[in-house]
Amino acid sequence: MRRIGRCAVLGAALAGLLAAHLARAGPEVPATNPLSGDPAAIREGESWFHAVCSFCHGPRAEGTGRGGGPDLRVFNKGFRKFVETVKNGRDVPGRAQKMPAWRGVLPDDRIYQIGAYLETLAGNGANWR
């Protein structure tokens, strides 16, 4: 009986860890932004960018913000990496500030809206695909 109890506890713990992992992984991120070119999404994305991103990345994503964030007009790692970085944050060696994780704060559609706005600012060398 004691052994069965321990197995049940262990099984419940493993099930909990698996559920947490699956919740963290979330739905598959598309290779390209489904909101690209959508005027309403771009307007919303611009508003949200100014509200949550511009302090670090500057008012036009040019990397002039007080938080020391990079110039997002030349982001070249593709849409999936953008979403992953926004959700999980990023610690860059040698940089005093780190990108905070926005998972649980910004839902996917909001992140996609911000990405749609940033695509409109993309310069030479940028890659959102």
N, C-alpha and C. Protein backbone atom coordinates (compact mmCIF):
# COMPACT_ATOMS: atom_id res chain seq x y z
N MET A 1 0.83 -1.19 0.00
CA MET A 1 0.00 0.00 0.00
C MET A 1 0.87 1.25 0.00
N ARG A 2 1.89 1.22 0.79
CA ARG A 2 2.79 2.35 0.88
C ARG A 2 3.47 2.61 -0.47
N ARG A 3 3.87 1.51 -1.13
CA ARG A 3 4.52 1.63 -2.43
C ARG A 3 3.57 2.21 -3.47
N ILE A 4 2.33 1.79 -3.45
CA ILE A 4 1.32 2.31 -4.39
C ILE A 4 1.12 3.80 -4.14
N GLY A 5 1.11 4.22 -2.90
CA GLY A 5 0.94 5.63 -2.57
C GLY A 5 2.08 6.47 -3.12
N ARG A 6 3.31 5.96 -2.97
CA ARG A 6 4.46 6.70 -3.49
C ARG A 6 4.42 6.77 -5.01
N CYS A 7 4.00 5.69 -5.65
CA CYS A 7 3.89 5.68 -7.12
C CYS A 7 2.83 6.69 -7.57
N ALA A 8 1.75 6.76 -6.86
CA ALA A 8 0.69 7.71 -7.21
C ALA A 8 1.19 9.14 -7.07
N VAL A 9 1.92 9.42 -6.01
CA VAL A 9 2.47 10.76 -5.80
C VAL A 9 3.47 11.10 -6.90
N LEU A 10 4.35 10.14 -7.20
CA LEU A 10 5.34 10.35 -8.25
C LEU A 10 4.66 10.55 -9.60
N GLY A 11 3.66 9.76 -9.89
CA GLY A 11 2.92 9.89 -11.14
C GLY A 11 2.23 11.24 -11.24
N ALA A 12 1.63 11.69 -10.15
CA ALA A 12 0.98 13.00 -10.14
C ALA A 12 1.99 14.12 -10.35
N ALA A 13 3.15 13.98 -9.73
CA ALA A 13 4.19 15.00 -9.89
C ALA A 13 4.67 15.05 -11.34
N LEU A 14 4.89 13.89 -11.95
CA LEU A 14 5.32 13.86 -13.34
C LEU A 14 4.24 14.43 -14.27
N ALA A 15 3.00 14.11 -14.00
CA ALA A 15 1.91 14.65 -14.81
C ALA A 15 1.86 16.17 -14.68
N GLY A 16 2.09 16.67 -13.47
CA GLY A 16 2.11 18.12 -13.25
C GLY A 16 3.24 18.79 -14.01
N LEU A 17 4.42 18.18 -13.99
CA LEU A 17 5.56 18.73 -14.72
C LEU A 17 5.29 18.74 -16.22
N LEU A 18 4.72 17.66 -16.73
CA LEU A 18 4.39 17.59 -18.15
C LEU A 18 3.37 18.66 -18.51
N ALA A 19 2.35 18.81 -17.70
CA ALA A 19 1.33 19.83 -17.97
C ALA A 19 1.94 21.23 -17.95
N ALA A 20 2.83 21.49 -17.01
CA ALA A 20 3.49 22.79 -16.94
C ALA A 20 4.34 23.03 -18.17
N HIS A 21 5.05 21.99 -18.63
CA HIS A 21 5.88 22.12 -19.83
C HIS A 21 5.01 22.42 -21.06
N LEU A 22 3.91 21.70 -21.20
CA LEU A 22 3.04 21.91 -22.35
C LEU A 22 2.41 23.29 -22.31
N ALA A 23 2.03 23.76 -21.13
CA ALA A 23 1.46 25.10 -21.02
C ALA A 23 2.50 26.15 -21.37
N ARG A 24 3.74 25.92 -20.97
CA ARG A 24 4.82 26.86 -21.26
C ARG A 24 5.14 26.88 -22.75
N ALA A 25 5.11 25.72 -23.37
CA ALA A 25 5.43 25.64 -24.78
C ALA A 25 4.37 26.37 -25.62
N GLY A 26 3.12 26.28 -25.21
CA GLY A 26 2.05 26.96 -25.90
C GLY A 26 1.85 26.44 -27.32
N PRO A 27 0.99 27.10 -28.07
CA PRO A 27 0.73 26.66 -29.44
C PRO A 27 1.94 26.95 -30.33
N GLU A 28 2.02 26.23 -31.42
CA GLU A 28 3.11 26.40 -32.38
C GLU A 28 3.05 27.80 -32.98
N VAL A 29 4.18 28.46 -33.03
CA VAL A 29 4.28 29.80 -33.61
C VAL A 29 4.47 29.64 -35.12
N PRO A 30 3.67 30.34 -35.91
CA PRO A 30 3.83 30.24 -37.36
C PRO A 30 5.16 30.83 -37.82
N ALA A 31 5.62 30.43 -38.98
CA ALA A 31 6.89 30.92 -39.52
C ALA A 31 6.81 32.40 -39.89
N THR A 32 5.64 32.84 -40.31
CA THR A 32 5.43 34.25 -40.63
C THR A 32 4.26 34.77 -39.81
N ASN A 33 4.25 36.05 -39.60
CA ASN A 33 3.21 36.68 -38.78
C ASN A 33 1.88 36.70 -39.53
N PRO A 34 0.85 36.07 -38.97
CA PRO A 34 -0.45 36.07 -39.64
C PRO A 34 -1.09 37.46 -39.67
N LEU A 35 -0.55 38.40 -38.90
CA LEU A 35 -1.10 39.76 -38.88
C LEU A 35 -0.29 40.75 -39.73
N SER A 36 0.71 40.26 -40.45
CA SER A 36 1.52 41.13 -41.31
C SER A 36 0.63 41.89 -42.28
N GLY A 37 0.86 43.19 -42.37
CA GLY A 37 0.13 44.01 -43.33
C GLY A 37 -1.29 44.37 -42.93
N ASP A 38 -1.78 43.88 -41.80
CA ASP A 38 -3.14 44.17 -41.34
C ASP A 38 -3.14 45.56 -40.68
N PRO A 39 -3.80 46.55 -41.29
CA PRO A 39 -3.74 47.91 -40.75
C PRO A 39 -4.20 48.04 -39.30
N ALA A 40 -5.26 47.34 -38.94
CA ALA A 40 -5.75 47.42 -37.55
C ALA A 40 -4.74 46.81 -36.59
N ALA A 41 -4.15 45.69 -36.96
CA ALA A 41 -3.14 45.04 -36.11
C ALA A 41 -1.91 45.93 -35.98
N ILE A 42 -1.52 46.58 -37.06
CA ILE A 42 -0.35 47.46 -37.03
C ILE A 42 -0.60 48.63 -36.09
N ARG A 43 -1.80 49.24 -36.15
CA ARG A 43 -2.13 50.35 -35.24
C ARG A 43 -2.08 49.90 -33.79
N GLU A 44 -2.68 48.74 -33.51
CA GLU A 44 -2.66 48.20 -32.14
C GLU A 44 -1.23 47.89 -31.71
N GLY A 45 -0.47 47.30 -32.63
CA GLY A 45 0.92 46.96 -32.33
C GLY A 45 1.75 48.19 -32.02
N GLU A 46 1.54 49.26 -32.75
CA GLU A 46 2.27 50.50 -32.49
C GLU A 46 1.93 51.03 -31.10
N SER A 47 0.66 51.00 -30.76
CA SER A 47 0.23 51.47 -29.44
C SER A 47 0.87 50.64 -28.33
N TRP A 48 0.83 49.32 -28.49
CA TRP A 48 1.42 48.44 -27.47
C TRP A 48 2.93 48.55 -27.44
N PHE A 49 3.57 48.73 -28.60
CA PHE A 49 5.01 48.92 -28.62
C PHE A 49 5.38 50.13 -27.78
N HIS A 50 4.67 51.25 -27.98
CA HIS A 50 4.99 52.46 -27.22
C HIS A 50 4.73 52.26 -25.73
N ALA A 51 3.73 51.47 -25.41
CA ALA A 51 3.39 51.25 -24.00
C ALA A 51 4.39 50.35 -23.27
N VAL A 52 4.90 49.31 -23.95
CA VAL A 52 5.72 48.32 -23.22
C VAL A 52 7.14 48.13 -23.74
N CYS A 53 7.45 48.62 -24.93
CA CYS A 53 8.76 48.32 -25.53
C CYS A 53 9.64 49.55 -25.73
N SER A 54 9.04 50.71 -25.91
CA SER A 54 9.81 51.88 -26.33
C SER A 54 10.80 52.37 -25.27
N PHE A 55 10.54 52.10 -24.01
CA PHE A 55 11.48 52.54 -22.98
C PHE A 55 12.88 51.98 -23.26
N CYS A 56 12.94 50.72 -23.63
CA CYS A 56 14.24 50.08 -23.90
C CYS A 56 14.68 50.22 -25.36
N HIS A 57 13.73 50.14 -26.30
CA HIS A 57 14.08 50.09 -27.71
C HIS A 57 13.97 51.43 -28.44
N GLY A 58 13.49 52.46 -27.77
CA GLY A 58 13.34 53.78 -28.39
C GLY A 58 11.98 53.95 -29.02
N PRO A 59 11.56 55.20 -29.25
CA PRO A 59 10.21 55.47 -29.74
C PRO A 59 9.92 54.93 -31.14
N ARG A 60 10.95 54.73 -31.95
CA ARG A 60 10.77 54.15 -33.29
C ARG A 60 11.56 52.86 -33.44
N ALA A 61 11.80 52.18 -32.33
CA ALA A 61 12.49 50.88 -32.30
C ALA A 61 13.94 50.96 -32.76
N GLU A 62 14.51 52.17 -32.72
CA GLU A 62 15.86 52.39 -33.25
C GLU A 62 16.97 52.10 -32.26
N GLY A 63 16.62 51.62 -31.08
CA GLY A 63 17.65 51.24 -30.11
C GLY A 63 18.19 52.40 -29.31
N THR A 64 17.41 53.47 -29.22
CA THR A 64 17.87 54.65 -28.48
C THR A 64 17.19 54.79 -27.12
N GLY A 65 16.50 53.77 -26.69
CA GLY A 65 15.81 53.85 -25.41
C GLY A 65 16.78 53.83 -24.23
N ARG A 66 16.29 54.28 -23.09
CA ARG A 66 17.12 54.35 -21.88
C ARG A 66 17.47 52.97 -21.35
N GLY A 67 16.74 51.94 -21.78
CA GLY A 67 17.01 50.59 -21.31
C GLY A 67 18.10 49.87 -22.07
N GLY A 68 18.62 50.47 -23.12
CA GLY A 68 19.72 49.87 -23.87
C GLY A 68 19.34 48.74 -24.80
N GLY A 69 18.07 48.66 -25.19
CA GLY A 69 17.63 47.61 -26.10
C GLY A 69 18.18 47.81 -27.51
N PRO A 70 18.32 46.74 -28.29
CA PRO A 70 18.87 46.85 -29.65
C PRO A 70 17.90 47.50 -30.63
N ASP A 71 18.41 47.87 -31.77
CA ASP A 71 17.66 48.44 -32.88
C ASP A 71 16.83 47.32 -33.51
N LEU A 72 15.53 47.38 -33.36
CA LEU A 72 14.66 46.32 -33.88
C LEU A 72 14.33 46.52 -35.36
N ARG A 73 14.73 47.64 -35.92
CA ARG A 73 14.49 47.86 -37.35
C ARG A 73 15.35 46.92 -38.19
N VAL A 74 16.38 46.36 -37.60
CA VAL A 74 17.27 45.45 -38.33
C VAL A 74 17.21 44.03 -37.75
N PHE A 75 16.14 43.72 -37.04
CA PHE A 75 15.97 42.37 -36.48
C PHE A 75 16.01 41.36 -37.62
N ASN A 76 16.89 40.37 -37.51
CA ASN A 76 17.08 39.45 -38.65
C ASN A 76 16.96 37.98 -38.30
N LYS A 77 16.31 37.67 -37.21
CA LYS A 77 16.24 36.27 -36.77
C LYS A 77 14.91 35.60 -37.09
N GLY A 78 14.01 36.28 -37.76
CA GLY A 78 12.74 35.68 -38.15
C GLY A 78 11.66 35.83 -37.10
N PHE A 79 10.43 35.65 -37.55
CA PHE A 79 9.26 35.86 -36.70
C PHE A 79 9.22 34.93 -35.49
N ARG A 80 9.51 33.65 -35.69
CA ARG A 80 9.48 32.71 -34.56
C ARG A 80 10.45 33.12 -33.46
N LYS A 81 11.65 33.53 -33.83
CA LYS A 81 12.64 33.94 -32.84
C LYS A 81 12.19 35.22 -32.12
N PHE A 82 11.55 36.12 -32.85
CA PHE A 82 10.99 37.33 -32.24
C PHE A 82 9.99 36.94 -31.15
N VAL A 83 9.04 36.08 -31.48
CA VAL A 83 8.02 35.66 -30.52
C VAL A 83 8.67 34.96 -29.33
N GLU A 84 9.59 34.06 -29.60
CA GLU A 84 10.30 33.33 -28.53
C GLU A 84 11.02 34.30 -27.60
N THR A 85 11.69 35.29 -28.16
CA THR A 85 12.44 36.26 -27.35
C THR A 85 11.50 37.10 -26.51
N VAL A 86 10.40 37.55 -27.09
CA VAL A 86 9.44 38.34 -26.33
C VAL A 86 8.86 37.52 -25.19
N LYS A 87 8.50 36.28 -25.46
CA LYS A 87 7.90 35.44 -24.43
C LYS A 87 8.88 35.05 -23.33
N ASN A 88 10.10 34.66 -23.70
CA ASN A 88 11.05 34.10 -22.74
C ASN A 88 12.09 35.08 -22.24
N GLY A 89 12.20 36.23 -22.87
CA GLY A 89 13.23 37.18 -22.51
C GLY A 89 14.57 36.75 -23.07
N ARG A 90 15.59 37.56 -22.81
CA ARG A 90 16.91 37.24 -23.34
C ARG A 90 17.97 37.93 -22.50
N ASP A 91 18.96 37.19 -22.13
CA ASP A 91 20.10 37.72 -21.39
C ASP A 91 21.29 37.73 -22.34
N VAL A 92 21.79 38.91 -22.64
CA VAL A 92 22.92 39.04 -23.56
C VAL A 92 24.19 39.29 -22.76
N PRO A 93 25.17 38.39 -22.85
CA PRO A 93 26.42 38.59 -22.13
C PRO A 93 27.06 39.93 -22.50
N GLY A 94 27.52 40.63 -21.49
CA GLY A 94 28.17 41.91 -21.72
C GLY A 94 27.21 43.09 -21.75
N ARG A 95 25.94 42.83 -21.74
CA ARG A 95 24.94 43.91 -21.73
C ARG A 95 24.35 43.99 -20.33
N ALA A 96 24.32 45.19 -19.78
CA ALA A 96 23.84 45.38 -18.41
C ALA A 96 22.37 45.01 -18.26
N GLN A 97 21.56 45.41 -19.23
CA GLN A 97 20.13 45.13 -19.17
C GLN A 97 19.82 43.84 -19.90
N LYS A 98 18.74 43.20 -19.52
CA LYS A 98 18.30 42.01 -20.24
C LYS A 98 16.87 42.20 -20.69
N MET A 99 16.52 41.50 -21.73
CA MET A 99 15.15 41.53 -22.24
C MET A 99 14.28 40.77 -21.25
N PRO A 100 13.26 41.43 -20.68
CA PRO A 100 12.39 40.70 -19.74
C PRO A 100 11.48 39.72 -20.48
N ALA A 101 11.04 38.71 -19.79
CA ALA A 101 10.08 37.75 -20.35
C ALA A 101 8.68 38.33 -20.22
N TRP A 102 7.96 38.34 -21.31
CA TRP A 102 6.59 38.87 -21.32
C TRP A 102 5.54 37.77 -21.36
N ARG A 103 5.97 36.50 -21.28
CA ARG A 103 5.03 35.38 -21.24
C ARG A 103 4.10 35.58 -20.03
N GLY A 104 2.84 35.38 -20.24
CA GLY A 104 1.88 35.56 -19.16
C GLY A 104 1.45 37.00 -18.98
N VAL A 105 2.12 37.93 -19.65
CA VAL A 105 1.75 39.34 -19.59
C VAL A 105 1.12 39.75 -20.92
N LEU A 106 1.81 39.43 -22.01
CA LEU A 106 1.31 39.74 -23.35
C LEU A 106 0.84 38.45 -24.02
N PRO A 107 -0.42 38.38 -24.40
CA PRO A 107 -0.89 37.19 -25.13
C PRO A 107 -0.31 37.16 -26.54
N ASP A 108 -0.36 36.00 -27.17
CA ASP A 108 0.22 35.83 -28.50
C ASP A 108 -0.28 36.88 -29.49
N ASP A 109 -1.58 37.14 -29.51
CA ASP A 109 -2.09 38.09 -30.50
C ASP A 109 -1.51 39.48 -30.30
N ARG A 110 -1.24 39.87 -29.07
CA ARG A 110 -0.63 41.17 -28.79
C ARG A 110 0.83 41.18 -29.29
N ILE A 111 1.55 40.09 -29.05
CA ILE A 111 2.94 39.98 -29.54
C ILE A 111 2.95 40.02 -31.07
N TYR A 112 2.00 39.36 -31.70
CA TYR A 112 1.91 39.35 -33.16
C TYR A 112 1.60 40.77 -33.67
N GLN A 113 0.75 41.52 -32.96
CA GLN A 113 0.45 42.90 -33.35
C GLN A 113 1.71 43.77 -33.28
N ILE A 114 2.47 43.62 -32.21
CA ILE A 114 3.72 44.38 -32.07
C ILE A 114 4.66 44.01 -33.22
N GLY A 115 4.75 42.72 -33.52
CA GLY A 115 5.59 42.28 -34.64
C GLY A 115 5.13 42.87 -35.96
N ALA A 116 3.81 42.95 -36.18
CA ALA A 116 3.28 43.53 -37.42
C ALA A 116 3.69 45.00 -37.52
N TYR A 117 3.66 45.71 -36.41
CA TYR A 117 4.11 47.11 -36.41
C TYR A 117 5.60 47.19 -36.72
N LEU A 118 6.40 46.37 -36.05
CA LEU A 118 7.84 46.42 -36.26
C LEU A 118 8.23 46.10 -37.70
N GLU A 119 7.48 45.23 -38.34
CA GLU A 119 7.75 44.92 -39.74
C GLU A 119 7.65 46.17 -40.61
N THR A 120 6.77 47.11 -40.24
CA THR A 120 6.62 48.34 -41.03
C THR A 120 7.84 49.24 -40.87
N LEU A 121 8.66 49.02 -39.87
CA LEU A 121 9.85 49.83 -39.62
C LEU A 121 11.12 49.15 -40.13
N ALA A 122 10.99 47.94 -40.64
CA ALA A 122 12.15 47.13 -41.02
C ALA A 122 13.04 47.85 -42.03
N GLY A 123 14.34 47.78 -41.77
CA GLY A 123 15.32 48.37 -42.66
C GLY A 123 16.12 47.29 -43.38
N ASN A 124 17.19 47.73 -44.03
CA ASN A 124 18.06 46.79 -44.76
C ASN A 124 18.60 45.72 -43.82
N GLY A 125 18.55 44.49 -44.26
CA GLY A 125 19.06 43.38 -43.48
C GLY A 125 18.06 42.77 -42.52
N ALA A 126 16.90 43.38 -42.36
CA ALA A 126 15.88 42.82 -41.46
C ALA A 126 15.28 41.56 -42.09
N ASN A 127 14.87 40.64 -41.23
CA ASN A 127 14.26 39.40 -41.71
C ASN A 127 13.18 39.00 -40.72
N TRP A 128 11.94 39.11 -41.13
CA TRP A 128 10.82 38.74 -40.28
C TRP A 128 10.19 37.43 -40.70
N ARG A 129 10.81 36.71 -41.61
CA ARG A 129 10.25 35.44 -42.09
C ARG A 129 11.06 34.28 -41.58
